[in-house]
PDB file of N, CA and C in Angstrom:
ATOM      1  N   GLU A   1     123.838  82.150 102.767  1.00  0.00           N
ATOM      2  CA  GLU A   1     123.442  81.722 104.000  1.00  0.00           C
ATOM      3  C   GLU A   1     124.737  81.901 104.688  1.00  0.00           C
ATOM      4  N   VAL A   2     124.321  81.795 106.098  1.00  0.00           N
ATOM      5  CA  VAL A   2     125.919  82.396 107.107  1.00  0.00           C
ATOM      6  C   VAL A   2     127.100  81.617 106.835  1.00  0.00           C
ATOM      7  N   LYS A   3     126.532  80.030 106.575  1.00  0.00           N
ATOM      8  CA  LYS A   3     128.065  79.241 106.564  1.00  0.00           C
ATOM      9  C   LYS A   3     128.564  79.794 105.075  1.00  0.00           C
ATOM     10  N   HIS A   4     128.254  80.601 104.203  1.00  0.00           N
ATOM     11  CA  HIS A   4     129.161  80.990 102.904  1.00  0.00           C
ATOM     12  C   HIS A   4     129.824  82.528 102.775  1.00  0.00           C
ATOM     13  N   LEU A   5     129.555  83.237 103.821  1.00  0.00           N
ATOM     14  CA  LEU A   5     129.687  84.999 103.622  1.00  0.00           C
ATOM     15  C   LEU A   5     130.709  84.978 103.998  1.00  0.00           C
ATOM     16  N   GLU A   6     132.247  83.957 104.826  1.00  0.00           N
ATOM     17  CA  GLU A   6     133.504  84.490 104.749  1.00  0.00           C
ATOM     18  C   GLU A   6     134.002  84.005 103.477  1.00  0.00           C
ATOM     19  N   LEU A   7     133.056  83.055 102.760  1.00  0.00           N
ATOM     20  CA  LEU A   7     134.128  82.412 101.602  1.00  0.00           C
ATOM     21  C   LEU A   7     133.811  83.618 100.531  1.00  0.00           C
ATOM     22  N   ILE A   8     132.357  83.796 100.117  1.00  0.00           N
ATOM     23  CA  ILE A   8     132.100  85.337  99.752  1.00  0.00           C
ATOM     24  C   ILE A   8     132.915  86.185  99.818  1.00  0.00           C
ATOM     25  N   THR A   9     132.771  86.702 100.721  1.00  0.00           N
ATOM     26  CA  THR A   9     133.606  88.098 101.084  1.00  0.00           C
ATOM     27  C   THR A   9     135.075  87.877 100.499  1.00  0.00           C
ATOM     28  N   ASN A  10     135.716  86.820 101.133  1.00  0.00           N
ATOM     29  CA  ASN A  10     137.502  86.477 100.696  1.00  0.00           C
ATOM     30  C   ASN A  10     137.423  86.788  99.287  1.00  0.00           C
ATOM     31  N   LEU A  11     136.499  85.914  98.502  1.00  0.00           N
ATOM     32  CA  LEU A  11     136.584  85.906  97.059  1.00  0.00           C
ATOM     33  C   LEU A  11     136.377  87.459  96.734  1.00  0.00           C
ATOM     34  N   ILE A  12     135.577  87.987  96.946  1.00  0.00           N
ATOM     35  CA  ILE A  12     134.889  89.506  96.233  1.00  0.00           C
ATOM     36  C   ILE A  12     136.493  90.645  96.431  1.00  0.00           C
ATOM     37  N   LYS A  13     137.142  90.059  98.309  1.00  0.00           N
ATOM     38  CA  LYS A  13     138.093  91.128  98.327  1.00  0.00           C
ATOM     39  C   LYS A  13     139.768  90.429  97.641  1.00  0.00           C
ATOM     40  N   GLU A  14     139.451  89.209  97.212  1.00  0.00           N
ATOM     41  CA  GLU A  14     140.700  89.192  95.996  1.00  0.00           C
ATOM     42  C   GLU A  14     140.666  89.522  94.608  1.00  0.00           C
ATOM     43  N   GLU A  15     139.276  88.977  94.651  1.00  0.00           N
ATOM     44  CA  GLU A  15     138.971  88.999  92.430  1.00  0.00           C
ATOM     45  C   GLU A  15     139.181  90.499  92.611  1.00  0.00           C
ATOM     46  N   PHE A  16     138.536  91.579  93.477  1.00  0.00           N
ATOM     47  CA  PHE A  16     138.299  92.794  92.857  1.00  0.00           C
ATOM     48  C   PHE A  16     139.385  93.872  93.713  1.00  0.00           C
ATOM     49  N   ASN A  17     140.078  92.936  94.867  1.00  0.00           N
ATOM     50  CA  ASN A  17     141.208  94.158  95.387  1.00  0.00           C
ATOM     51  C   ASN A  17     140.649  95.473  96.503  1.00  0.00           C
ATOM     52  N   ILE A  18     139.049  94.692  96.913  1.00  0.00           N
ATOM     53  CA  ILE A  18     138.829  96.009  97.720  1.00  0.00           C
ATOM     54  C   ILE A  18     138.167  96.004  99.462  1.00  0.00           C
ATOM     55  N   GLN A  19     137.950  96.949  99.917  1.00  0.00           N
ATOM     56  CA  GLN A  19     137.253  96.279 101.790  1.00  0.00           C
ATOM     57  C   GLN A  19     135.971  95.898 101.727  1.00  0.00           C
ATOM     58  N   GLY A  20     135.750  94.945 102.676  1.00  0.00           N
ATOM     59  CA  GLY A  20     134.500  94.796 102.352  1.00  0.00           C
ATOM     60  C   GLY A  20     134.422  93.682 103.627  1.00  0.00           C
ATOM     61  N   GLU A  21     133.371  94.056 103.916  1.00  0.00           N
ATOM     62  CA  GLU A  21     132.696  92.716 105.323  1.00  0.00           C
ATOM     63  C   GLU A  21     131.512  91.790 105.407  1.00  0.00           C
ATOM     64  N   SER A  22     131.147  91.141 105.558  1.00  0.00           N
ATOM     65  CA  SER A  22     130.703  89.995 105.920  1.00  0.00           C
ATOM     66  C   SER A  22     129.891  90.270 107.205  1.00  0.00           C
ATOM     67  N   VAL A  23     128.690  90.299 107.538  1.00  0.00           N
ATOM     68  CA  VAL A  23     127.795  91.101 108.514  1.00  0.00           C
ATOM     69  C   VAL A  23     126.535  90.105 108.441  1.00  0.00           C
ATOM     70  N   TRP A  24     125.906  89.603 109.655  1.00  0.00           N
ATOM     71  CA  TRP A  24     124.830  88.279 109.850  1.00  0.00           C
ATOM     72  C   TRP A  24     124.017  89.097 111.017  1.00  0.00           C
ATOM     73  N   SER A  25     122.790  88.244 111.258  1.00  0.00           N
ATOM     74  CA  SER A  25     121.960  89.212 112.262  1.00  0.00           C
ATOM     75  C   SER A  25     122.795  88.740 114.016  1.00  0.00           C
ATOM     76  N   GLY A  26     123.616  87.386 114.042  1.00  0.00           N
ATOM     77  CA  GLY A  26     124.284  87.237 115.660  1.00  0.00           C
ATOM     78  C   GLY A  26     125.455  87.414 115.223  1.00  0.00           C
ATOM     79  N   ASP A  27     125.664  88.211 114.383  1.00  0.00           N
ATOM     80  CA  ASP A  27     127.460  89.048 114.498  1.00  0.00           C
ATOM     81  C   ASP A  27     127.462  89.946 115.867  1.00  0.00           C
ATOM     82  N   ALA A  28     128.652  89.942 116.193  1.00  0.00           N
ATOM     83  CA  ALA A  28     128.266  91.204 117.585  1.00  0.00           C
ATOM     84  C   ALA A  28     129.090  92.234 117.108  1.00  0.00           C
ATOM     85  N   GLN A  29     130.058  92.232 115.852  1.00  0.00           N
ATOM     86  CA  GLN A  29     129.980  93.349 115.077  1.00  0.00           C
ATOM     87  C   GLN A  29     128.933  94.071 114.435  1.00  0.00           C
ATOM     88  N   ARG A  30     128.228  93.489 114.130  1.00  0.00           N
ATOM     89  CA  ARG A  30     127.175  94.190 113.274  1.00  0.00           C
ATOM     90  C   ARG A  30     126.686  95.674 113.183  1.00  0.00           C
ATOM     91  N   ILE A  31     126.712  96.448 114.463  1.00  0.00           N
ATOM     92  CA  ILE A  31     126.375  97.784 113.878  1.00  0.00           C
ATOM     93  C   ILE A  31     127.531  98.429 113.125  1.00  0.00           C
ATOM     94  N   ASP A  32     128.753  97.790 113.983  1.00  0.00           N
ATOM     95  CA  ASP A  32     130.252  98.536 113.688  1.00  0.00           C
ATOM     96  C   ASP A  32     130.428  98.480 112.182  1.00  0.00           C
ATOM     97  N   LYS A  33     129.859  97.246 111.563  1.00  0.00           N
ATOM     98  CA  LYS A  33     130.330  96.848 110.319  1.00  0.00           C
ATOM     99  C   LYS A  33     129.513  97.761 109.047  1.00  0.00           C
ATOM    100  N   VAL A  34     128.114  97.684 109.906  1.00  0.00           N
ATOM    101  CA  VAL A  34     127.092  99.114 109.333  1.00  0.00           C
ATOM    102  C   VAL A  34     127.318 100.268 109.019  1.00  0.00           C
ATOM    103  N   THR A  35     127.726 100.585 110.111  1.00  0.00           N
ATOM    104  CA  THR A  35     128.357 102.203 110.121  1.00  0.00           C
ATOM    105  C   THR A  35     129.369 102.073 109.301  1.00  0.00           C
ATOM    106  N   LYS A  36     130.502 101.502 109.318  1.00  0.00           N
ATOM    107  CA  LYS A  36     131.786 101.381 108.541  1.00  0.00           C
ATOM    108  C   LYS A  36     131.449 101.337 106.634  1.00  0.00           C
ATOM    109  N   MET A  37     130.024 100.789 106.461  1.00  0.00           N
ATOM    110  CA  MET A  37     129.930 100.816 105.058  1.00  0.00           C
ATOM    111  C   MET A  37     129.279 102.250 104.763  1.00  0.00           C
ATOM    112  N   ARG A  38     128.529 102.985 105.710  1.00  0.00           N
ATOM    113  CA  ARG A  38     127.869 104.034 105.883  1.00  0.00           C
ATOM    114  C   ARG A  38     128.877 105.326 105.446  1.00  0.00           C
ATOM    115  N   ASN A  39     129.613 104.878 106.247  1.00  0.00           N
ATOM    116  CA  ASN A  39     130.483 106.156 106.554  1.00  0.00           C
ATOM    117  C   ASN A  39     132.222 105.806 105.176  1.00  0.00           C
ATOM    118  N   ASN A  40     131.725 105.098 104.116  1.00  0.00           N
ATOM    119  CA  ASN A  40     132.403 104.472 103.098  1.00  0.00           C
ATOM    120  C   ASN A  40     133.972 104.096 103.030  1.00  0.00           C
ATOM    121  N   GLN A  41     134.227 104.067 104.589  1.00  0.00           N
ATOM    122  CA  GLN A  41     135.389 103.088 105.290  1.00  0.00           C
ATOM    123  C   GLN A  41     135.606 101.884 104.377  1.00  0.00           C
ATOM    124  N   ILE A  42     134.783 100.832 104.024  1.00  0.00           N
ATOM    125  CA  ILE A  42     134.381 100.041 103.598  1.00  0.00           C
ATOM    126  C   ILE A  42     133.466  99.324 102.267  1.00  0.00           C
ATOM    127  N   GLN A  43     134.060  98.947 101.089  1.00  0.00           N
ATOM    128  CA  GLN A  43     133.197  98.852  99.660  1.00  0.00           C
ATOM    129  C   GLN A  43     132.189  98.533  99.465  1.00  0.00           C
ATOM    130  N   PHE A  44     132.191  97.140 100.241  1.00  0.00           N
ATOM    131  CA  PHE A  44     130.469  96.119  99.846  1.00  0.00           C
ATOM    132  C   PHE A  44     130.360  95.713 101.589  1.00  0.00           C
ATOM    133  N   LEU A  45     129.119  94.592 101.587  1.00  0.00           N
ATOM    134  CA  LEU A  45     128.942  94.136 102.734  1.00  0.00           C
ATOM    135  C   LEU A  45     128.191  92.804 101.900  1.00  0.00           C
ATOM    136  N   VAL A  46     128.524  91.877 102.753  1.00  0.00           N
ATOM    137  CA  VAL A  46     127.871  90.038 102.377  1.00  0.00           C
ATOM    138  C   VAL A  46     127.013  89.987 103.466  1.00  0.00           C
ATOM    139  N   THR A  47     126.194  90.193 103.140  1.00  0.00           N
ATOM    140  CA  THR A  47     125.377  89.621 104.540  1.00  0.00           C
ATOM    141  C   THR A  47     123.740  88.296 104.454  1.00  0.00           C
ATOM    142  N   THR A  48     123.500  87.920 105.489  1.00  0.00           N
ATOM    143  CA  THR A  48     122.241  87.386 104.933  1.00  0.00           C
ATOM    144  C   THR A  48     120.892  88.725 104.529  1.00  0.00           C
ATOM    145  N   THR A  49     119.477  88.150 105.240  1.00  0.00           N
ATOM    146  CA  THR A  49     119.285  89.432 104.663  1.00  0.00           C
ATOM    147  C   THR A  49     118.401  90.294 105.996  1.00  0.00           C
ATOM    148  N   ILE A  50     119.536  90.255 106.749  1.00  0.00           N
ATOM    149  CA  ILE A  50     119.364  91.745 107.717  1.00  0.00           C
ATOM    150  C   ILE A  50     119.000  92.609 107.505  1.00  0.00           C
ATOM    151  N   LEU A  51     119.382  93.147 106.145  1.00  0.00           N
ATOM    152  CA  LEU A  51     119.981  94.545 105.646  1.00  0.00           C
ATOM    153  C   LEU A  51     118.614  94.959 105.099  1.00  0.00           C
ATOM    154  N   GLU A  52     117.749  93.785 104.843  1.00  0.00           N
ATOM    155  CA  GLU A  52     116.278  93.921 103.885  1.00  0.00           C
ATOM    156  C   GLU A  52     115.548  95.025 104.472  1.00  0.00           C
ATOM    157  N   ARG A  53     115.115  95.230 105.685  1.00  0.00           N
ATOM    158  CA  ARG A  53     114.309  96.532 105.747  1.00  0.00           C
ATOM    159  C   ARG A  53     114.921  97.209 107.184  1.00  0.00           C
ATOM    160  N   GLY A  54     114.758  98.547 106.760  1.00  0.00           N
ATOM    161  CA  GLY A  54     115.145  99.251 108.074  1.00  0.00           C
ATOM    162  C   GLY A  54     116.632  99.947 107.995  1.00  0.00           C
ATOM    163  N   VAL A  55     117.435  99.188 107.325  1.00  0.00           N
ATOM    164  CA  VAL A  55     118.679  99.852 107.079  1.00  0.00           C
ATOM    165  C   VAL A  55     119.102 100.806 106.118  1.00  0.00           C
ATOM    166  N   THR A  56     118.899 102.013 105.672  1.00  0.00           N
ATOM    167  CA  THR A  56     119.475 102.706 104.637  1.00  0.00           C
ATOM    168  C   THR A  56     120.600 102.939 104.261  1.00  0.00           C
ATOM    169  N   LEU A  57     121.175 102.801 103.285  1.00  0.00           N
ATOM    170  CA  LEU A  57     122.663 103.262 102.618  1.00  0.00           C
ATOM    171  C   LEU A  57     122.702 103.976 101.261  1.00  0.00           C
ATOM    172  N   LYS A  58     123.197 105.427 101.141  1.00  0.00           N
ATOM    173  CA  LYS A  58     123.316 105.845 100.176  1.00  0.00           C
ATOM    174  C   LYS A  58     123.681 105.391  98.870  1.00  0.00           C
ATOM    175  N   ASP A  59     123.633 105.423  97.846  1.00  0.00           N
ATOM    176  CA  ASP A  59     124.623 105.172  96.617  1.00  0.00           C
ATOM    177  C   ASP A  59     125.133 103.621  96.431  1.00  0.00           C
ATOM    178  N   ILE A  60     124.411 102.797  96.553  1.00  0.00           N
ATOM    179  CA  ILE A  60     124.615 101.121  96.569  1.00  0.00           C
ATOM    180  C   ILE A  60     123.780 100.423  95.747  1.00  0.00           C
ATOM    181  N   ASN A  61     124.710  99.533  95.049  1.00  0.00           N
ATOM    182  CA  ASN A  61     124.140  98.251  93.928  1.00  0.00           C
ATOM    183  C   ASN A  61     123.645  97.588  95.320  1.00  0.00           C
ATOM    184  N   VAL A  62     123.157  96.304  94.833  1.00  0.00           N
ATOM    185  CA  VAL A  62     122.937  95.316  95.280  1.00  0.00           C
ATOM    186  C   VAL A  62     122.783  94.247  94.829  1.00  0.00           C
ATOM    187  N   ILE A  63     123.321  93.132  94.855  1.00  0.00           N
ATOM    188  CA  ILE A  63     123.381  91.601  94.464  1.00  0.00           C
ATOM    189  C   ILE A  63     122.500  90.754  95.283  1.00  0.00           C
ATOM    190  N   ILE A  64     121.747  90.078  94.745  1.00  0.00           N
ATOM    191  CA  ILE A  64     121.225  89.210  95.589  1.00  0.00           C
ATOM    192  C   ILE A  64     121.789  87.505  94.875  1.00  0.00           C
ATOM    193  N   LEU A  65     122.175  86.982  96.042  1.00  0.00           N
ATOM    194  CA  LEU A  65     123.065  85.455  95.154  1.00  0.00           C
ATOM    195  C   LEU A  65     121.966  84.711  96.020  1.00  0.00           C
ATOM    196  N   GLY A  66     121.808  83.773  94.997  1.00  0.00           N
ATOM    197  CA  GLY A  66     120.852  82.901  94.987  1.00  0.00           C
ATOM    198  C   GLY A  66     119.077  83.625  95.467  1.00  0.00           C
ATOM    199  N   ALA A  67     118.893  84.249  94.413  1.00  0.00           N
ATOM    200  CA  ALA A  67     117.712  84.848  95.221  1.00  0.00           C
ATOM    201  C   ALA A  67     116.366  84.301  94.663  1.00  0.00           C
ATOM    202  N   ASP A  68     116.495  82.832  93.688  1.00  0.00           N
ATOM    203  CA  ASP A  68     115.479  81.336  93.681  1.00  0.00           C
ATOM    204  C   ASP A  68     115.111  80.658  94.974  1.00  0.00           C
ATOM    205  N   HIS A  69     115.957  80.748  95.803  1.00  0.00           N
ATOM    206  CA  HIS A  69     116.117  79.942  96.864  1.00  0.00           C
ATOM    207  C   HIS A  69     114.733  80.575  97.699  1.00  0.00           C
ATOM    208  N   TYR A  70     114.323  79.291  98.032  1.00  0.00           N
ATOM    209  CA  TYR A  70     112.906  79.304  98.724  1.00  0.00           C
ATOM    210  C   TYR A  70     112.435  80.302  99.831  1.00  0.00           C
ATOM    211  N   LEU A  71     113.716  80.212 100.223  1.00  0.00           N
ATOM    212  CA  LEU A  71     113.473  81.447 101.317  1.00  0.00           C
ATOM    213  C   LEU A  71     112.987  82.833 101.081  1.00  0.00           C
ATOM    214  N   PHE A  72     113.842  82.864 100.058  1.00  0.00           N
ATOM    215  CA  PHE A  72     112.988  84.569  99.157  1.00  0.00           C
ATOM    216  C   PHE A  72     111.653  84.467  98.615  1.00  0.00           C
ATOM    217  N   ASN A  73     110.453  85.160  99.064  1.00  0.00           N
ATOM    218  CA  ASN A  73     109.724  85.328  98.388  1.00  0.00           C
ATOM    219  C   ASN A  73     109.380  86.633  97.808  1.00  0.00           C
ATOM    220  N   GLU A  74     108.201  87.109  97.030  1.00  0.00           N
ATOM    221  CA  GLU A  74     108.387  88.344  96.703  1.00  0.00           C
ATOM    222  C   GLU A  74     108.286  89.846  97.478  1.00  0.00           C
ATOM    223  N   ASN A  75     108.318  89.611  98.198  1.00  0.00           N
ATOM    224  CA  ASN A  75     107.983  90.748  99.420  1.00  0.00           C
ATOM    225  C   ASN A  75     109.312  90.733 100.024  1.00  0.00           C
ATOM    226  N   ASN A  76     110.178  89.363 100.099  1.00  0.00           N
ATOM    227  CA  ASN A  76     111.531  90.070 100.519  1.00  0.00           C
ATOM    228  C   ASN A  76     112.453  90.631  99.455  1.00  0.00           C
ATOM    229  N   LEU A  77     112.165  90.077  98.073  1.00  0.00           N
ATOM    230  CA  LEU A  77     112.894  90.424  97.099  1.00  0.00           C
ATOM    231  C   LEU A  77     112.670  92.180  96.792  1.00  0.00           C
ATOM    232  N   VAL A  78     111.422  92.452  96.807  1.00  0.00           N
ATOM    233  CA  VAL A  78     110.689  93.729  96.727  1.00  0.00           C
ATOM    234  C   VAL A  78     111.750  94.800  97.970  1.00  0.00           C
ATOM    235  N   GLN A  79     111.282  93.761  99.262  1.00  0.00           N
ATOM    236  CA  GLN A  79     112.256  95.019 100.464  1.00  0.00           C
ATOM    237  C   GLN A  79     113.830  95.563  99.874  1.00  0.00           C
ATOM    238  N   ILE A  80     114.689  94.313  99.646  1.00  0.00           N
ATOM    239  CA  ILE A  80     115.699  94.177  98.945  1.00  0.00           C
ATOM    240  C   ILE A  80     116.090  94.918  97.959  1.00  0.00           C
ATOM    241  N   ALA A  81     115.486  95.351  97.047  1.00  0.00           N
ATOM    242  CA  ALA A  81     115.263  96.033  95.527  1.00  0.00           C
ATOM    243  C   ALA A  81     115.163  97.448  96.172  1.00  0.00           C
ATOM    244  N   GLY A  82     114.775  97.562  96.892  1.00  0.00           N
ATOM    245  CA  GLY A  82     114.238  99.174  97.782  1.00  0.00           C
ATOM    246  C   GLY A  82     115.708  99.297  98.279  1.00  0.00           C
ATOM    247  N   ARG A  83     116.450  98.916  98.823  1.00  0.00           N
ATOM    248  CA  ARG A  83     117.619  99.253  99.129  1.00  0.00           C
ATOM    249  C   ARG A  83     118.559 100.483  98.355  1.00  0.00           C
ATOM    250  N   VAL A  84     118.077 100.071  97.000  1.00  0.00           N
ATOM    251  CA  VAL A  84     119.143 100.112  95.778  1.00  0.00           C
ATOM    252  C   VAL A  84     118.476 102.142  95.485  1.00  0.00           C
ATOM    253  N   ASP A  85     119.497 102.551  95.060  1.00  0.00           N
ATOM    254  CA  ASP A  85     118.828 103.998  94.774  1.00  0.00           C
ATOM    255  C   ASP A  85     118.504 104.997  95.542  1.00  0.00           C
ATOM    256  N   ARG A  86     119.143 105.475  97.335  1.00  0.00           N
ATOM    257  CA  ARG A  86     118.108 105.506  98.229  1.00  0.00           C
ATOM    258  C   ARG A  86     119.114 107.141  98.407  1.00  0.00           C
ATOM    259  N   GLY A  87     119.570 107.474  97.888  1.00  0.00           N
ATOM    260  CA  GLY A  87     120.114 108.763  97.677  1.00  0.00           C
ATOM    261  C   GLY A  87     119.343 109.771  96.739  1.00  0.00           C
ATOM    262  N   GLN A  88     119.177 110.844  97.603  1.00  0.00           N
ATOM    263  CA  GLN A  88     118.804 111.462  96.452  1.00  0.00           C
ATOM    264  C   GLN A  88     119.165 112.276  95.008  1.00  0.00           C
ATOM    265  N   ASN A  89     120.594 112.174  95.316  1.00  0.00           N
ATOM    266  CA  ASN A  89     121.284 112.281  93.701  1.00  0.00           C
ATOM    267  C   ASN A  89     122.105 110.904  93.214  1.00  0.00           C
ATOM    268  N   SER A  90     121.674 109.724  93.634  1.00  0.00           N
ATOM    269  CA  SER A  90     122.280 108.852  93.478  1.00  0.00           C
ATOM    270  C   SER A  90     122.687 108.644  92.407  1.00  0.00           C
ATOM    271  N   LEU A  91     124.220 107.948  92.140  1.00  0.00           N
ATOM    272  CA  LEU A  91     124.597 107.131  91.018  1.00  0.00           C
ATOM    273  C   LEU A  91     124.156 105.460  91.005  1.00  0.00           C
ATOM    274  N   ALA A  92     124.208 104.808  91.887  1.00  0.00           N
ATOM    275  CA  ALA A  92     123.712 103.344  91.740  1.00  0.00           C
ATOM    276  C   ALA A  92     122.319 103.201  91.612  1.00  0.00           C
ATOM    277  N   LYS A  93     122.053 102.422  90.940  1.00  0.00           N
ATOM    278  CA  LYS A  93     120.547 102.005  90.115  1.00  0.00           C
ATOM    279  C   LYS A  93     120.421 100.976  90.056  1.00  0.00           C
ATOM    280  N   ASN A  94     121.544  99.678  90.309  1.00  0.00           N
ATOM    281  CA  ASN A  94     121.344  98.302  89.835  1.00  0.00           C
ATOM    282  C   ASN A  94     121.369  97.546  90.677  1.00  0.00           C
ATOM    283  N   ILE A  95     120.256  96.491  90.817  1.00  0.00           N
ATOM    284  CA  ILE A  95     120.043  95.017  91.326  1.00  0.00           C
ATOM    285  C   ILE A  95     120.379  93.735  90.851  1.00  0.00           C
ATOM    286  N   PHE A  96     120.913  93.225  91.507  1.00  0.00           N
ATOM    287  CA  PHE A  96     121.245  91.782  89.999  1.00  0.00           C
ATOM    288  C   PHE A  96     120.957  90.422  91.106  1.00  0.00           C
ATOM    289  N   ALA A  97     119.900  90.228  90.363  1.00  0.00           N
ATOM    290  CA  ALA A  97     119.791  88.459  91.054  1.00  0.00           C
ATOM    291  C   ALA A  97     120.072  87.635  90.476  1.00  0.00           C
ATOM    292  N   ILE A  98     121.170  87.162  91.620  1.00  0.00           N
ATOM    293  CA  ILE A  98     122.047  85.469  90.884  1.00  0.00           C
ATOM    294  C   ILE A  98     121.111  84.277  91.538  1.00  0.00           C
ATOM    295  N   VAL A  99     120.485  83.726  90.074  1.00  0.00           N
ATOM    296  CA  VAL A  99     120.048  82.330  89.967  1.00  0.00           C
ATOM    297  C   VAL A  99     120.191  81.640  89.290  1.00  0.00           C
ATOM    298  N   GLU A 100     119.784  80.337  89.581  1.00  0.00           N
ATOM    299  CA  GLU A 100     120.022  79.072  88.596  1.00  0.00           C
ATOM    300  C   GLU A 100     118.805  79.485  87.670  1.00  0.00           C
ATOM    301  N   GLN A 101     117.541  79.891  88.021  1.00  0.00           N
ATOM    302  CA  GLN A 101     116.860  79.797  86.878  1.00  0.00           C
ATOM    303  C   GLN A 101     115.454  80.410  87.900  1.00  0.00           C
ATOM    304  N   GLN A 102     114.459  81.254  87.367  1.00  0.00           N
ATOM    305  CA  GLN A 102     114.180  82.304  87.465  1.00  0.00           C
ATOM    306  C   GLN A 102     112.675  81.202  88.106  1.00  0.00           C
ATOM    307  N   ASN A 103     111.724  82.150  89.108  1.00  0.00           N
ATOM    308  CA  ASN A 103     110.909  81.762  90.151  1.00  0.00           C
ATOM    309  C   ASN A 103     109.579  82.343  90.061  1.00  0.00           C
ATOM    310  N   SER A 104     108.385  81.936  90.592  1.00  0.00           N
ATOM    311  CA  SER A 104     107.660  82.664  90.481  1.00  0.00           C
ATOM    312  C   SER A 104     108.071  84.112  91.338  1.00  0.00           C
ATOM    313  N   SER A 105     108.434  84.047  92.278  1.00  0.00           N
ATOM    314  CA  SER A 105     108.560  84.637  93.280  1.00  0.00           C
ATOM    315  C   SER A 105     109.473  85.862  92.664  1.00  0.00           C
ATOM    316  N   LEU A 106     110.359  85.659  92.053  1.00  0.00           N
ATOM    317  CA  LEU A 106     111.446  86.532  91.561  1.00  0.00           C
ATOM    318  C   LEU A 106     110.685  87.386  90.308  1.00  0.00           C
ATOM    319  N   LYS A 107     109.818  86.223  89.720  1.00  0.00           N
ATOM    320  CA  LYS A 107     108.802  87.099  88.501  1.00  0.00           C
ATOM    321  C   LYS A 107     108.082  88.715  89.036  1.00  0.00           C
ATOM    322  N   LYS A 108     107.218  87.836  90.165  1.00  0.00           N
ATOM    323  CA  LYS A 108     106.422  89.184  90.649  1.00  0.00           C
ATOM    324  C   LYS A 108     107.062  89.668  91.001  1.00  0.00           C
ATOM    325  N   ALA A 109     108.166  89.465  91.525  1.00  0.00           N
ATOM    326  CA  ALA A 109     108.701  90.672  92.416  1.00  0.00           C
ATOM    327  C   ALA A 109     109.286  91.702  91.056  1.00  0.00           C
ATOM    328  N   ILE A 110     109.789  91.514  90.267  1.00  0.00           N
ATOM    329  CA  ILE A 110     110.049  92.357  89.481  1.00  0.00           C
ATOM    330  C   ILE A 110     109.347  92.696  88.331  1.00  0.00           C
ATOM    331  N   LYS A 111     107.972  92.161  88.494  1.00  0.00           N
ATOM    332  CA  LYS A 111     106.313  93.102  87.866  1.00  0.00           C
ATOM    333  C   LYS A 111     106.350  94.141  88.623  1.00  0.00           C
ATOM    334  N   GLN A 112     106.397  93.836  90.175  1.00  0.00           N
ATOM    335  CA  GLN A 112     105.764  94.663  91.014  1.00  0.00           C
ATOM    336  C   GLN A 112     106.754  95.993  91.028  1.00  0.00           C
ATOM    337  N   ILE A 113     108.358  95.934  91.062  1.00  0.00           N
ATOM    338  CA  ILE A 113     108.885  96.848  90.918  1.00  0.00           C
ATOM    339  C   ILE A 113     108.624  97.761  89.531  1.00  0.00           C
ATOM    340  N   ASN A 114     108.669  97.333  88.632  1.00  0.00           N
ATOM    341  CA  ASN A 114     108.480  98.003  87.067  1.00  0.00           C
ATOM    342  C   ASN A 114     107.125  99.031  87.496  1.00  0.00           C
ATOM    343  N   PHE A 115     106.115  98.334  88.118  1.00  0.00           N
ATOM    344  CA  PHE A 115     105.117  98.732  88.466  1.00  0.00           C
ATOM    345  C   PHE A 115     105.147  99.478  89.426  1.00  0.00           C
ATOM    346  N   MET A 116     105.865  99.808  90.626  1.00  0.00           N
ATOM    347  CA  MET A 116     105.959 101.182  91.264  1.00  0.00           C
ATOM    348  C   MET A 116     106.740 102.104  90.767  1.00  0.00           C
ATOM    349  N   ASN A 117     108.197 101.431  89.739  1.00  0.00           N
ATOM    350  CA  ASN A 117     108.952 102.476  89.362  1.00  0.00           C
ATOM    351  C   ASN A 117     107.988 103.236  88.248  1.00  0.00           C
ATOM    352  N   GLN A 118     106.960 102.866  87.399  1.00  0.00           N
ATOM    353  CA  GLN A 118     106.243 103.290  86.535  1.00  0.00           C
ATOM    354  C   GLN A 118     105.549 104.218  86.932  1.00  0.00           C
ATOM    355  N   LYS A 119     104.701 103.728  88.314  1.00  0.00           N
ATOM    356  CA  LYS A 119     103.675 104.930  89.088  1.00  0.00           C
ATOM    357  C   LYS A 119     104.436 106.080  89.298  1.00  0.00           C
ATOM    358  N   ALA A 120     105.499 105.551  90.251  1.00  0.00           N
ATOM    359  CA  ALA A 120     106.412 107.156  90.819  1.00  0.00           C
ATOM    360  C   ALA A 120     107.169 107.946  89.590  1.00  0.00           C
ATOM    361  N   LEU A 121     107.633 107.847  88.312  1.00  0.00           N
ATOM    362  CA  LEU A 121     107.213 108.539  87.061  1.00  0.00           C
ATOM    363  C   LEU A 121     106.237 109.515  86.658  1.00  0.00           C
ATOM    364  N   GLU A 122     104.967 108.785  86.356  1.00  0.00           N
ATOM    365  CA  GLU A 122     103.812 109.134  86.759  1.00  0.00           C
ATOM    366  C   GLU A 122     103.562 110.217  87.799  1.00  0.00           C
ATOM    367  N   ILE A 123     103.615 109.879  88.613  1.00  0.00           N
ATOM    368  CA  ILE A 123     103.790 110.771  90.027  1.00  0.00           C
ATOM    369  C   ILE A 123     104.608 112.264  89.520  1.00  0.00           C
ATOM    370  N   ALA A 124     105.952 111.518  89.448  1.00  0.00           N
ATOM    371  CA  ALA A 124     106.958 113.146  89.550  1.00  0.00           C
ATOM    372  C   ALA A 124     106.300 114.178  88.224  1.00  0.00           C
ATOM    373  N   GLY A 125     105.773 113.175  87.059  1.00  0.00           N
ATOM    374  CA  GLY A 125     105.579 113.749  86.426  1.00  0.00           C
ATOM    375  C   GLY A 125     104.686 114.939  86.429  1.00  0.00           C
ATOM    376  N   ASN A 126     103.883 114.768  87.306  1.00  0.00           N
ATOM    377  CA  ASN A 126     102.199 115.534  87.588  1.00  0.00           C
ATOM    378  C   ASN A 126     102.749 116.521  88.262  1.00  0.00           C
ATOM    379  N   SER A 127     104.109 116.365  88.781  1.00  0.00           N
ATOM    380  CA  SER A 127     104.305 117.443  90.010  1.00  0.00           C
ATOM    381  C   SER A 127     104.908 118.622  89.252  1.00  0.00           C
TER     382      SER A 127
END
């Protein structure tokens, strides 16, 4: 949630000594912050779901905090996971879901992602 963005961003900066920003849909500097991430001027973004669709960043990993929150459904989670490993020679291949308890949306998203990844491997093998 927006109210947690600054706290989480500051904790990450302090704990890992890296540069990052928080961003949300009402942020007047949203485009500038995403551009900084694209240009490797910062190492992380803490965001609400605004980057779920339409924003492609190369070589990123994704952590979904509270992936068991009722606002996340199977489709949201699959879209967010789709942000991972978008570069052609990407080294990033991880998505982490931080939850109190797995729920049906998360389980369905994992099943769908595994299925799509298997199909992609099969298609690549037939090329």
